């Protein structure tokens, strides 16, 4: 307060006016924990009779952009998930058709239908996990590239792109869940293979 000419006893500054405790402030800055909390916080402050000034228009634009990007991501993700299920189902069913004779021979050798069904189901699971591993590698490379690109704009400790461990776990479980329909379909198809088919094709 020495700039305003007040005495500052802590620093031995006599000043031009005696020290007085501040009881009124011309203005103050209030921080919200999140962008979405700015508008409600501003309304609460206005309700207390305090004039506020916020970048409401810019914040509304950013929040709208965030909602639109989330909706776009959801749509693209849903289409990609449907494509994954369809492609995996077609691939696995075609694989079972190519192996029908081998499965029939295994049936003749005494393999139970449950074991015959387990083979394509395990194969579908391994294909899904391999795709998940490949997607993690692509994400890692992309994250490094994005982080390097935005590095000049970031402060120490900040990340332009980041996922929590539970995100990876959820993605892995979702991958297995999406592979489940094709695994069940091919498993039932393999279990329905009659051992007599091997004899007819000999």
N, C-alpha and C. Protein backbone atom coordinates (compact mmCIF):
# COMPACT_ATOMS: atom_id res chain seq x y z
N UNK A 1 0.82 -1.21 0.00
CA UNK A 1 0.00 0.00 0.00
C UNK A 1 0.86 1.26 0.00
N UNK A 2 2.17 1.06 0.01
CA UNK A 2 3.04 2.25 0.01
C UNK A 2 2.86 3.06 -1.26
N UNK A 3 2.39 2.41 -2.34
CA UNK A 3 2.17 3.14 -3.58
C UNK A 3 1.06 4.18 -3.43
N UNK A 4 0.13 3.93 -2.52
CA UNK A 4 -0.95 4.88 -2.27
C UNK A 4 -0.60 5.88 -1.18
N UNK A 5 0.64 5.84 -0.69
CA UNK A 5 1.07 6.81 0.30
C UNK A 5 0.78 6.43 1.73
N UNK A 6 0.30 5.20 1.96
CA UNK A 6 -0.01 4.79 3.33
C UNK A 6 1.27 4.37 4.07
N UNK A 7 1.24 4.56 5.37
CA UNK A 7 2.33 4.09 6.21
C UNK A 7 2.36 2.55 6.19
N UNK A 8 3.59 2.00 6.12
CA UNK A 8 3.76 0.54 6.14
C UNK A 8 4.71 0.21 7.29
N UNK A 9 4.18 0.00 8.49
CA UNK A 9 5.04 -0.24 9.66
C UNK A 9 5.93 -1.46 9.50
N UNK A 10 5.47 -2.48 8.82
CA UNK A 10 6.25 -3.71 8.70
C UNK A 10 7.57 -3.46 7.98
N UNK A 11 7.61 -2.46 7.11
CA UNK A 11 8.84 -2.16 6.37
C UNK A 11 9.45 -0.82 6.78
N UNK A 12 8.92 -0.23 7.87
CA UNK A 12 9.46 1.04 8.34
C UNK A 12 9.20 2.20 7.40
N UNK A 13 8.13 2.14 6.63
CA UNK A 13 7.80 3.21 5.69
C UNK A 13 6.81 4.16 6.35
N UNK A 14 7.21 5.44 6.58
CA UNK A 14 6.32 6.37 7.29
C UNK A 14 5.11 6.75 6.47
N UNK A 15 5.29 6.94 5.18
CA UNK A 15 4.18 7.29 4.32
C UNK A 15 3.65 8.68 4.57
N UNK A 16 2.61 9.02 3.84
CA UNK A 16 1.97 10.32 3.98
C UNK A 16 0.67 10.22 4.76
N UNK A 17 0.15 8.99 4.90
CA UNK A 17 -1.09 8.79 5.64
C UNK A 17 -0.90 7.63 6.60
N UNK A 18 -1.62 7.70 7.70
CA UNK A 18 -1.51 6.64 8.71
C UNK A 18 -2.08 5.33 8.17
N UNK A 19 -1.52 4.25 8.68
CA UNK A 19 -1.98 2.92 8.26
C UNK A 19 -3.43 2.69 8.70
N UNK A 20 -4.24 2.24 7.78
CA UNK A 20 -5.63 1.91 8.08
C UNK A 20 -5.94 0.54 7.47
N UNK A 21 -6.59 -0.32 8.21
CA UNK A 21 -6.96 -1.63 7.64
C UNK A 21 -7.96 -1.45 6.50
N UNK A 22 -7.83 -2.28 5.51
CA UNK A 22 -8.72 -2.19 4.35
C UNK A 22 -10.03 -2.90 4.68
N UNK A 23 -11.11 -2.18 4.59
CA UNK A 23 -12.43 -2.75 4.85
C UNK A 23 -13.28 -2.83 3.59
N UNK A 24 -12.89 -2.13 2.56
CA UNK A 24 -13.63 -2.15 1.30
C UNK A 24 -12.64 -2.31 0.15
N UNK A 25 -13.07 -3.04 -0.85
CA UNK A 25 -12.23 -3.28 -2.02
C UNK A 25 -12.96 -2.77 -3.26
N UNK A 26 -12.21 -2.13 -4.13
CA UNK A 26 -12.82 -1.62 -5.36
C UNK A 26 -13.23 -2.77 -6.27
N UNK A 27 -12.47 -3.85 -6.25
CA UNK A 27 -12.78 -5.01 -7.09
C UNK A 27 -12.03 -6.22 -6.55
N UNK A 28 -12.42 -7.37 -7.00
CA UNK A 28 -11.71 -8.60 -6.65
C UNK A 28 -11.92 -9.62 -7.77
N UNK A 29 -11.06 -10.60 -7.80
CA UNK A 29 -11.13 -11.64 -8.82
C UNK A 29 -11.54 -12.95 -8.16
N UNK A 30 -12.58 -13.56 -8.71
CA UNK A 30 -13.11 -14.81 -8.17
C UNK A 30 -12.89 -15.92 -9.20
N UNK A 31 -12.39 -17.05 -8.74
CA UNK A 31 -12.07 -18.15 -9.65
C UNK A 31 -13.09 -19.27 -9.50
N UNK A 32 -13.52 -19.79 -10.64
CA UNK A 32 -14.40 -20.96 -10.66
C UNK A 32 -13.56 -22.22 -10.87
N UNK A 33 -14.03 -23.33 -10.34
CA UNK A 33 -13.28 -24.58 -10.47
C UNK A 33 -13.35 -25.15 -11.87
N UNK A 34 -14.36 -24.75 -12.64
CA UNK A 34 -14.54 -25.29 -13.98
C UNK A 34 -15.26 -24.25 -14.83
N UNK A 35 -15.08 -24.34 -16.16
CA UNK A 35 -15.74 -23.37 -17.04
C UNK A 35 -17.25 -23.41 -16.89
N UNK A 36 -17.80 -24.60 -16.70
CA UNK A 36 -19.25 -24.70 -16.57
C UNK A 36 -19.77 -24.09 -15.27
N UNK A 37 -18.88 -23.82 -14.32
CA UNK A 37 -19.29 -23.21 -13.05
C UNK A 37 -19.26 -21.69 -13.07
N UNK A 38 -18.74 -21.11 -14.16
CA UNK A 38 -18.60 -19.65 -14.21
C UNK A 38 -19.96 -18.96 -14.18
N UNK A 39 -20.88 -19.39 -15.05
CA UNK A 39 -22.19 -18.74 -15.13
C UNK A 39 -22.97 -18.84 -13.81
N UNK A 40 -23.10 -20.03 -13.20
CA UNK A 40 -23.81 -20.09 -11.91
C UNK A 40 -23.13 -19.26 -10.82
N UNK A 41 -21.80 -19.25 -10.82
CA UNK A 41 -21.08 -18.46 -9.81
C UNK A 41 -21.33 -16.98 -10.02
N UNK A 42 -21.32 -16.53 -11.28
CA UNK A 42 -21.59 -15.12 -11.57
C UNK A 42 -23.00 -14.73 -11.15
N UNK A 43 -23.97 -15.63 -11.37
CA UNK A 43 -25.35 -15.35 -10.97
C UNK A 43 -25.46 -15.24 -9.45
N UNK A 44 -24.75 -16.11 -8.75
CA UNK A 44 -24.79 -16.05 -7.28
C UNK A 44 -24.18 -14.76 -6.76
N UNK A 45 -23.11 -14.30 -7.40
CA UNK A 45 -22.48 -13.05 -6.99
C UNK A 45 -23.39 -11.86 -7.29
N UNK A 46 -24.05 -11.89 -8.45
CA UNK A 46 -24.98 -10.81 -8.81
C UNK A 46 -26.14 -10.78 -7.83
N UNK A 47 -26.60 -11.96 -7.42
CA UNK A 47 -27.71 -12.02 -6.46
C UNK A 47 -27.34 -11.38 -5.13
N UNK A 48 -26.04 -11.35 -4.84
CA UNK A 48 -25.57 -10.70 -3.60
C UNK A 48 -25.39 -9.20 -3.78
N UNK A 49 -25.75 -8.68 -4.96
CA UNK A 49 -25.66 -7.25 -5.20
C UNK A 49 -24.30 -6.78 -5.66
N UNK A 50 -23.48 -7.68 -6.17
CA UNK A 50 -22.13 -7.32 -6.63
C UNK A 50 -22.09 -7.41 -8.14
N UNK A 51 -21.63 -6.36 -8.77
CA UNK A 51 -21.53 -6.34 -10.23
C UNK A 51 -20.40 -7.28 -10.67
N UNK A 52 -20.66 -8.04 -11.71
CA UNK A 52 -19.67 -9.00 -12.20
C UNK A 52 -19.35 -8.74 -13.67
N UNK A 53 -18.19 -9.22 -14.07
CA UNK A 53 -17.79 -9.14 -15.47
C UNK A 53 -17.09 -10.46 -15.83
N UNK A 54 -17.65 -11.16 -16.78
CA UNK A 54 -17.09 -12.44 -17.21
C UNK A 54 -17.03 -12.48 -18.74
N UNK A 55 -16.25 -13.43 -19.25
CA UNK A 55 -16.21 -13.68 -20.69
C UNK A 55 -17.27 -14.73 -21.03
N UNK A 56 -18.52 -14.40 -20.72
CA UNK A 56 -19.60 -15.37 -20.85
C UNK A 56 -19.75 -15.86 -22.29
N UNK A 57 -19.63 -14.95 -23.26
CA UNK A 57 -19.81 -15.35 -24.66
C UNK A 57 -18.73 -16.33 -25.10
N UNK A 58 -17.48 -16.03 -24.75
CA UNK A 58 -16.39 -16.92 -25.13
C UNK A 58 -16.51 -18.27 -24.43
N UNK A 59 -16.89 -18.24 -23.16
CA UNK A 59 -17.05 -19.49 -22.41
C UNK A 59 -18.17 -20.32 -23.01
N UNK A 60 -19.28 -19.67 -23.36
CA UNK A 60 -20.40 -20.40 -23.97
C UNK A 60 -19.97 -21.04 -25.29
N UNK A 61 -19.17 -20.32 -26.07
CA UNK A 61 -18.68 -20.88 -27.33
C UNK A 61 -17.78 -22.08 -27.11
N UNK A 62 -16.91 -22.00 -26.12
CA UNK A 62 -16.01 -23.12 -25.82
C UNK A 62 -16.80 -24.33 -25.34
N UNK A 63 -17.79 -24.10 -24.46
CA UNK A 63 -18.60 -25.21 -23.96
C UNK A 63 -19.42 -25.84 -25.08
N UNK A 64 -19.95 -25.01 -25.99
CA UNK A 64 -20.70 -25.54 -27.12
C UNK A 64 -19.80 -26.38 -28.02
N UNK A 65 -18.57 -25.89 -28.26
CA UNK A 65 -17.61 -26.65 -29.07
C UNK A 65 -17.29 -27.99 -28.40
N UNK A 66 -17.14 -27.97 -27.08
CA UNK A 66 -16.85 -29.21 -26.36
C UNK A 66 -18.00 -30.20 -26.48
N UNK A 67 -19.24 -29.72 -26.37
CA UNK A 67 -20.39 -30.61 -26.51
C UNK A 67 -20.46 -31.19 -27.92
N UNK A 68 -20.21 -30.35 -28.92
CA UNK A 68 -20.27 -30.83 -30.30
C UNK A 68 -19.18 -31.86 -30.59
N UNK A 69 -17.99 -31.61 -30.06
CA UNK A 69 -16.90 -32.57 -30.26
C UNK A 69 -17.20 -33.90 -29.56
N UNK A 70 -17.80 -33.82 -28.37
CA UNK A 70 -18.17 -35.05 -27.67
C UNK A 70 -19.22 -35.83 -28.44
N UNK A 71 -20.21 -35.10 -29.00
CA UNK A 71 -21.24 -35.76 -29.80
C UNK A 71 -20.64 -36.39 -31.05
N UNK A 72 -19.72 -35.66 -31.70
CA UNK A 72 -19.07 -36.19 -32.89
C UNK A 72 -18.25 -37.44 -32.55
N UNK A 73 -17.53 -37.38 -31.44
CA UNK A 73 -16.74 -38.54 -31.02
C UNK A 73 -17.64 -39.74 -30.74
N UNK A 74 -18.79 -39.49 -30.11
CA UNK A 74 -19.72 -40.58 -29.81
C UNK A 74 -20.26 -41.21 -31.08
N UNK A 75 -20.60 -40.36 -32.07
CA UNK A 75 -21.13 -40.88 -33.33
C UNK A 75 -20.07 -41.69 -34.06
N UNK A 76 -18.87 -41.12 -34.18
CA UNK A 76 -17.78 -41.83 -34.87
C UNK A 76 -17.44 -43.13 -34.15
N UNK A 77 -17.39 -43.07 -32.82
CA UNK A 77 -17.10 -44.27 -32.05
C UNK A 77 -18.16 -45.35 -32.22
N UNK A 78 -19.43 -44.94 -32.28
CA UNK A 78 -20.52 -45.91 -32.46
C UNK A 78 -20.44 -46.57 -33.83
N UNK A 79 -20.18 -45.76 -34.86
CA UNK A 79 -20.05 -46.31 -36.21
C UNK A 79 -18.85 -47.26 -36.29
N UNK A 80 -17.74 -46.85 -35.67
CA UNK A 80 -16.55 -47.70 -35.68
C UNK A 80 -16.81 -49.01 -34.93
N UNK A 81 -17.53 -48.93 -33.81
CA UNK A 81 -17.84 -50.14 -33.05
C UNK A 81 -18.73 -51.08 -33.85
N UNK A 82 -19.73 -50.52 -34.53
CA UNK A 82 -20.59 -51.35 -35.37
C UNK A 82 -19.79 -51.99 -36.50
N UNK A 83 -18.88 -51.22 -37.10
CA UNK A 83 -18.03 -51.77 -38.15
C UNK A 83 -17.13 -52.87 -37.63
N UNK A 84 -16.60 -52.68 -36.41
CA UNK A 84 -15.75 -53.71 -35.80
C UNK A 84 -16.52 -55.01 -35.61
N UNK A 85 -17.73 -54.91 -35.07
CA UNK A 85 -18.53 -56.12 -34.84
C UNK A 85 -18.84 -56.81 -36.16
N UNK A 86 -19.25 -56.03 -37.17
CA UNK A 86 -19.58 -56.62 -38.46
C UNK A 86 -18.39 -57.28 -39.13
N UNK A 87 -17.25 -56.57 -39.13
CA UNK A 87 -16.05 -57.12 -39.78
C UNK A 87 -15.55 -58.36 -39.06
N UNK A 88 -15.53 -58.31 -37.73
CA UNK A 88 -15.05 -59.46 -36.97
C UNK A 88 -15.98 -60.65 -37.13
N UNK A 89 -17.29 -60.38 -37.15
CA UNK A 89 -18.25 -61.46 -37.33
C UNK A 89 -18.08 -62.12 -38.69
N UNK A 90 -17.97 -61.31 -39.75
CA UNK A 90 -17.81 -61.87 -41.09
C UNK A 90 -16.51 -62.66 -41.20
N UNK A 91 -15.43 -62.13 -40.63
CA UNK A 91 -14.14 -62.82 -40.70
C UNK A 91 -14.17 -64.14 -39.96
N UNK A 92 -14.73 -64.15 -38.76
CA UNK A 92 -14.72 -65.36 -37.96
C UNK A 92 -15.66 -66.42 -38.53
N UNK A 93 -16.82 -66.01 -39.04
CA UNK A 93 -17.74 -66.98 -39.65
C UNK A 93 -17.10 -67.59 -40.89
N UNK A 94 -16.44 -66.76 -41.70
CA UNK A 94 -15.75 -67.29 -42.88
C UNK A 94 -14.64 -68.26 -42.46
N UNK A 95 -13.95 -67.94 -41.37
CA UNK A 95 -12.90 -68.83 -40.88
C UNK A 95 -13.46 -70.17 -40.44
N UNK A 96 -14.61 -70.17 -39.78
CA UNK A 96 -15.23 -71.43 -39.37
C UNK A 96 -15.66 -72.24 -40.58
N UNK A 97 -16.18 -71.56 -41.59
CA UNK A 97 -16.59 -72.27 -42.81
C UNK A 97 -15.39 -72.95 -43.47
N UNK A 98 -14.24 -72.28 -43.46
CA UNK A 98 -13.05 -72.89 -44.06
C UNK A 98 -12.56 -74.08 -43.23
N UNK A 99 -12.86 -74.06 -41.95
CA UNK A 99 -12.35 -75.11 -41.06
C UNK A 99 -13.42 -76.14 -40.71
N UNK A 100 -14.54 -76.14 -41.41
CA UNK A 100 -15.63 -77.06 -41.06
C UNK A 100 -15.16 -78.52 -41.14
N UNK A 101 -14.40 -78.85 -42.17
CA UNK A 101 -13.95 -80.24 -42.31
C UNK A 101 -13.02 -80.61 -41.16
N UNK A 102 -12.09 -79.69 -40.82
CA UNK A 102 -11.18 -79.96 -39.71
C UNK A 102 -11.94 -80.11 -38.40
N UNK A 103 -12.95 -79.27 -38.20
CA UNK A 103 -13.76 -79.37 -36.98
C UNK A 103 -14.55 -80.67 -36.96
N UNK A 104 -15.03 -81.09 -38.14
CA UNK A 104 -15.77 -82.36 -38.21
C UNK A 104 -14.86 -83.53 -37.88
N UNK A 105 -13.63 -83.48 -38.36
CA UNK A 105 -12.66 -84.54 -38.05
C UNK A 105 -12.39 -84.58 -36.54
N UNK A 106 -12.25 -83.41 -35.94
CA UNK A 106 -12.04 -83.36 -34.49
C UNK A 106 -13.24 -83.96 -33.75
N UNK A 107 -14.44 -83.71 -34.30
CA UNK A 107 -15.63 -84.31 -33.71
C UNK A 107 -15.60 -85.82 -33.80
N UNK A 108 -15.12 -86.35 -34.93
CA UNK A 108 -15.00 -87.79 -35.07
C UNK A 108 -13.99 -88.37 -34.09
N UNK A 109 -12.97 -87.58 -33.77
CA UNK A 109 -11.93 -88.05 -32.85
C UNK A 109 -12.37 -88.00 -31.40
N UNK A 110 -13.56 -87.47 -31.16
CA UNK A 110 -14.09 -87.50 -29.81
C UNK A 110 -14.11 -86.15 -29.09
N UNK A 111 -13.73 -85.07 -29.78
CA UNK A 111 -13.79 -83.76 -29.13
C UNK A 111 -15.24 -83.36 -28.90
N UNK A 112 -15.52 -82.86 -27.73
CA UNK A 112 -16.88 -82.45 -27.42
C UNK A 112 -17.22 -81.14 -28.14
N UNK A 113 -18.52 -80.89 -28.26
CA UNK A 113 -18.97 -79.68 -28.95
C UNK A 113 -18.49 -78.42 -28.23
N UNK A 114 -18.39 -78.49 -26.91
CA UNK A 114 -17.91 -77.33 -26.17
C UNK A 114 -16.48 -76.96 -26.54
N UNK A 115 -15.64 -77.98 -26.75
CA UNK A 115 -14.26 -77.71 -27.15
C UNK A 115 -14.21 -77.18 -28.58
N UNK A 116 -15.07 -77.71 -29.45
CA UNK A 116 -15.12 -77.21 -30.82
C UNK A 116 -15.55 -75.75 -30.85
N UNK A 117 -16.49 -75.39 -29.96
CA UNK A 117 -16.94 -73.99 -29.90
C UNK A 117 -15.88 -73.09 -29.29
N UNK A 118 -15.08 -73.64 -28.37
CA UNK A 118 -14.08 -72.81 -27.69
C UNK A 118 -12.98 -72.35 -28.64
N UNK A 119 -12.68 -73.15 -29.67
CA UNK A 119 -11.60 -72.78 -30.58
C UNK A 119 -11.86 -71.46 -31.30
N UNK A 120 -12.97 -71.28 -32.03
CA UNK A 120 -13.20 -69.99 -32.69
C UNK A 120 -13.45 -68.85 -31.70
N UNK A 121 -14.02 -69.18 -30.53
CA UNK A 121 -14.24 -68.12 -29.55
C UNK A 121 -12.92 -67.59 -29.01
N UNK A 122 -11.98 -68.49 -28.74
CA UNK A 122 -10.66 -68.04 -28.30
C UNK A 122 -9.95 -67.27 -29.41
N UNK A 123 -10.15 -67.71 -30.65
CA UNK A 123 -9.53 -67.00 -31.77
C UNK A 123 -10.09 -65.59 -31.89
N UNK A 124 -11.39 -65.43 -31.72
CA UNK A 124 -12.00 -64.10 -31.77
C UNK A 124 -11.46 -63.21 -30.66
N UNK A 125 -11.30 -63.78 -29.47
CA UNK A 125 -10.74 -63.00 -28.36
C UNK A 125 -9.31 -62.56 -28.63
N UNK A 126 -8.50 -63.45 -29.21
CA UNK A 126 -7.11 -63.10 -29.50
C UNK A 126 -7.03 -62.03 -30.58
N UNK A 127 -7.90 -62.13 -31.59
CA UNK A 127 -7.92 -61.10 -32.64
C UNK A 127 -8.30 -59.75 -32.04
N UNK A 128 -9.29 -59.74 -31.16
CA UNK A 128 -9.72 -58.49 -30.53
C UNK A 128 -8.60 -57.90 -29.67
N UNK A 129 -7.92 -58.75 -28.91
CA UNK A 129 -6.83 -58.25 -28.06
C UNK A 129 -5.66 -57.76 -28.90
N UNK A 130 -5.39 -58.43 -30.02
CA UNK A 130 -4.32 -57.97 -30.91
C UNK A 130 -4.66 -56.59 -31.48
N UNK A 131 -5.93 -56.41 -31.87
CA UNK A 131 -6.34 -55.10 -32.35
C UNK A 131 -6.26 -54.04 -31.28
N UNK A 132 -6.60 -54.42 -30.04
CA UNK A 132 -6.50 -53.48 -28.92
C UNK A 132 -5.05 -53.08 -28.68
N UNK A 133 -4.15 -54.05 -28.74
CA UNK A 133 -2.72 -53.73 -28.57
C UNK A 133 -2.22 -52.81 -29.67
N UNK A 134 -2.66 -53.06 -30.90
CA UNK A 134 -2.25 -52.19 -32.01
C UNK A 134 -2.79 -50.78 -31.82
N UNK A 135 -4.02 -50.66 -31.34
CA UNK A 135 -4.60 -49.33 -31.11
C UNK A 135 -3.83 -48.59 -30.01
N UNK A 136 -3.35 -49.31 -29.00
CA UNK A 136 -2.54 -48.67 -27.96
C UNK A 136 -1.24 -48.13 -28.54
N UNK A 137 -0.64 -48.90 -29.44
CA UNK A 137 0.60 -48.44 -30.07
C UNK A 137 0.35 -47.19 -30.91
N UNK A 138 -0.77 -47.18 -31.66
CA UNK A 138 -1.11 -46.01 -32.47
C UNK A 138 -1.38 -44.80 -31.57
N UNK A 139 -2.10 -45.03 -30.46
CA UNK A 139 -2.36 -43.94 -29.52
C UNK A 139 -1.06 -43.38 -28.95
N UNK A 140 -0.15 -44.27 -28.57
CA UNK A 140 1.12 -43.81 -28.01
C UNK A 140 1.89 -42.94 -28.98
N UNK A 141 1.95 -43.38 -30.24
CA UNK A 141 2.66 -42.59 -31.25
C UNK A 141 1.96 -41.26 -31.49
N UNK A 142 0.63 -41.29 -31.56
CA UNK A 142 -0.12 -40.05 -31.76
C UNK A 142 0.01 -39.09 -30.60
N UNK A 143 0.00 -39.63 -29.37
CA UNK A 143 0.14 -38.77 -28.18
C UNK A 143 1.50 -38.08 -28.16
N UNK A 144 2.54 -38.81 -28.54
CA UNK A 144 3.88 -38.21 -28.58
C UNK A 144 3.93 -37.10 -29.62
N UNK A 145 3.32 -37.34 -30.79
CA UNK A 145 3.32 -36.34 -31.85
C UNK A 145 2.55 -35.09 -31.43
N UNK A 146 1.37 -35.28 -30.84
CA UNK A 146 0.55 -34.14 -30.41
C UNK A 146 1.25 -33.36 -29.30
N UNK A 147 1.83 -34.07 -28.35
CA UNK A 147 2.53 -33.42 -27.25
C UNK A 147 3.71 -32.60 -27.77
N UNK A 148 4.43 -33.13 -28.75
CA UNK A 148 5.56 -32.41 -29.32
C UNK A 148 5.10 -31.16 -30.07
N UNK A 149 3.95 -31.28 -30.75
CA UNK A 149 3.45 -30.15 -31.54
C UNK A 149 3.01 -29.00 -30.65
N UNK A 150 2.34 -29.32 -29.54
CA UNK A 150 1.81 -28.28 -28.66
C UNK A 150 2.75 -27.94 -27.51
N UNK A 151 3.92 -28.53 -27.48
CA UNK A 151 4.87 -28.29 -26.38
C UNK A 151 5.17 -26.81 -26.17
N UNK A 152 5.36 -26.00 -27.23
CA UNK A 152 5.65 -24.57 -27.00
C UNK A 152 4.52 -23.81 -26.30
N UNK A 153 3.30 -24.33 -26.38
CA UNK A 153 2.15 -23.64 -25.79
C UNK A 153 1.82 -24.13 -24.39
N UNK A 154 2.52 -25.16 -23.93
CA UNK A 154 2.20 -25.76 -22.64
C UNK A 154 3.21 -25.36 -21.58
N UNK A 155 2.75 -25.32 -20.35
CA UNK A 155 3.64 -25.07 -19.22
C UNK A 155 4.20 -26.39 -18.71
N UNK A 156 5.16 -26.31 -17.83
CA UNK A 156 5.79 -27.51 -17.28
C UNK A 156 4.74 -28.36 -16.56
N UNK A 157 4.74 -29.64 -16.89
CA UNK A 157 3.81 -30.56 -16.24
C UNK A 157 2.48 -30.69 -16.94
N UNK A 158 2.20 -29.85 -17.93
CA UNK A 158 0.94 -29.93 -18.65
C UNK A 158 1.05 -30.93 -19.80
N UNK A 159 -0.09 -31.50 -20.17
CA UNK A 159 -0.14 -32.47 -21.27
C UNK A 159 -1.26 -32.09 -22.21
N UNK A 160 -0.97 -32.11 -23.51
CA UNK A 160 -2.00 -31.80 -24.50
C UNK A 160 -2.96 -32.96 -24.67
N UNK A 161 -2.50 -34.16 -24.44
CA UNK A 161 -3.35 -35.34 -24.56
C UNK A 161 -2.96 -36.32 -23.46
N UNK A 162 -3.96 -36.82 -22.75
CA UNK A 162 -3.66 -37.70 -21.62
C UNK A 162 -4.87 -38.57 -21.32
N UNK A 163 -4.62 -39.84 -21.02
CA UNK A 163 -5.67 -40.77 -20.61
C UNK A 163 -5.30 -41.38 -19.27
N UNK A 164 -6.32 -41.59 -18.45
CA UNK A 164 -6.12 -42.22 -17.15
C UNK A 164 -6.05 -43.74 -17.31
N UNK A 165 -5.47 -44.45 -16.34
CA UNK A 165 -5.40 -45.92 -16.45
C UNK A 165 -6.77 -46.57 -16.62
N UNK A 166 -7.81 -46.00 -16.00
CA UNK A 166 -9.12 -46.63 -16.13
C UNK A 166 -9.67 -46.47 -17.54
N UNK A 167 -9.20 -45.47 -18.29
CA UNK A 167 -9.61 -45.35 -19.68
C UNK A 167 -9.12 -46.55 -20.49
N UNK A 168 -7.86 -46.95 -20.26
CA UNK A 168 -7.31 -48.09 -20.98
C UNK A 168 -8.05 -49.37 -20.59
N UNK A 169 -8.34 -49.51 -19.29
CA UNK A 169 -9.06 -50.70 -18.84
C UNK A 169 -10.46 -50.76 -19.46
N UNK A 170 -11.14 -49.61 -19.49
CA UNK A 170 -12.48 -49.56 -20.07
C UNK A 170 -12.44 -49.87 -21.56
N UNK A 171 -11.42 -49.36 -22.26
CA UNK A 171 -11.29 -49.64 -23.69
C UNK A 171 -11.05 -51.13 -23.94
N UNK A 172 -10.22 -51.76 -23.11
CA UNK A 172 -9.98 -53.19 -23.26
C UNK A 172 -11.24 -54.01 -23.03
N UNK A 173 -11.99 -53.67 -21.98
CA UNK A 173 -13.24 -54.38 -21.70
C UNK A 173 -14.26 -54.16 -22.81
N UNK A 174 -14.32 -52.93 -23.34
CA UNK A 174 -15.25 -52.64 -24.44
C UNK A 174 -14.88 -53.44 -25.68
N UNK A 175 -13.58 -53.58 -25.94
CA UNK A 175 -13.14 -54.36 -27.10
C UNK A 175 -13.58 -55.81 -26.98
N UNK A 176 -13.39 -56.39 -25.79
CA UNK A 176 -13.81 -57.77 -25.58
C UNK A 176 -15.33 -57.90 -25.67
N UNK A 177 -16.05 -56.90 -25.16
CA UNK A 177 -17.51 -56.94 -25.22
C UNK A 177 -18.00 -56.87 -26.66
N UNK A 178 -17.33 -56.06 -27.49
CA UNK A 178 -17.71 -55.97 -28.89
C UNK A 178 -17.36 -57.24 -29.65
N UNK A 179 -16.31 -57.95 -29.20
CA UNK A 179 -15.92 -59.20 -29.86
C UNK A 179 -16.81 -60.36 -29.44
N UNK A 180 -17.55 -60.19 -28.33
CA UNK A 180 -18.36 -61.28 -27.81
C UNK A 180 -19.43 -61.78 -28.79
N UNK A 181 -20.19 -60.90 -29.47
CA UNK A 181 -21.21 -61.41 -30.40
C UNK A 181 -20.62 -62.30 -31.49
N UNK A 182 -19.52 -61.86 -32.10
CA UNK A 182 -18.91 -62.68 -33.15
C UNK A 182 -18.34 -63.97 -32.58
N UNK A 183 -17.79 -63.90 -31.35
CA UNK A 183 -17.26 -65.11 -30.73
C UNK A 183 -18.37 -66.12 -30.47
N UNK A 184 -19.50 -65.65 -29.96
CA UNK A 184 -20.62 -66.55 -29.69
C UNK A 184 -21.18 -67.13 -30.99
N UNK A 185 -21.32 -66.27 -32.01
CA UNK A 185 -21.87 -66.74 -33.28
C UNK A 185 -21.00 -67.82 -33.90
N UNK A 186 -19.69 -67.58 -33.93
CA UNK A 186 -18.80 -68.58 -34.51
C UNK A 186 -18.70 -69.82 -33.64
N UNK A 187 -18.77 -69.63 -32.32
CA UNK A 187 -18.74 -70.79 -31.42
C UNK A 187 -19.93 -71.70 -31.64
N UNK A 188 -21.14 -71.12 -31.72
CA UNK A 188 -22.33 -71.92 -31.97
C UNK A 188 -22.26 -72.59 -33.34
N UNK A 189 -21.72 -71.89 -34.31
CA UNK A 189 -21.61 -72.45 -35.66
C UNK A 189 -20.65 -73.63 -35.66
N UNK A 190 -19.53 -73.47 -34.94
CA UNK A 190 -18.57 -74.57 -34.88
C UNK A 190 -19.14 -75.76 -34.12
N UNK A 191 -19.88 -75.48 -33.04
CA UNK A 191 -20.47 -76.57 -32.26
C UNK A 191 -21.53 -77.33 -33.05
N UNK A 192 -22.14 -76.66 -34.02
CA UNK A 192 -23.19 -77.30 -34.82
C UNK A 192 -22.62 -78.16 -35.95
N UNK A 193 -21.31 -78.18 -36.10
CA UNK A 193 -20.69 -78.98 -37.16
C UNK A 193 -20.88 -80.47 -36.86
N UNK A 194 -21.45 -81.19 -37.80
CA UNK A 194 -21.68 -82.62 -37.62
C UNK A 194 -20.44 -83.41 -38.00
N UNK A 195 -20.02 -84.37 -37.18
CA UNK A 195 -18.86 -85.19 -37.53
C UNK A 195 -19.01 -85.92 -38.85
N UNK A 196 -20.26 -86.22 -39.23
CA UNK A 196 -20.48 -86.96 -40.48
C UNK A 196 -20.04 -86.16 -41.70
N UNK A 197 -19.92 -84.83 -41.58
CA UNK A 197 -19.48 -84.03 -42.72
C UNK A 197 -18.09 -84.43 -43.16
N UNK A 198 -17.25 -84.84 -42.22
CA UNK A 198 -15.90 -85.26 -42.59
C UNK A 198 -15.93 -86.52 -43.44
N UNK A 199 -16.87 -87.42 -43.14
CA UNK A 199 -16.96 -88.65 -43.90
C UNK A 199 -17.50 -88.40 -45.30
N UNK A 200 -18.46 -87.47 -45.41
CA UNK A 200 -19.06 -87.19 -46.71
C UNK A 200 -18.06 -86.55 -47.66
N UNK A 201 -17.08 -85.80 -47.11
CA UNK A 201 -16.14 -85.09 -47.97
C UNK A 201 -14.88 -85.90 -48.24
N UNK A 202 -14.74 -87.10 -47.66
CA UNK A 202 -13.55 -87.91 -47.89
C UNK A 202 -13.57 -88.45 -49.32
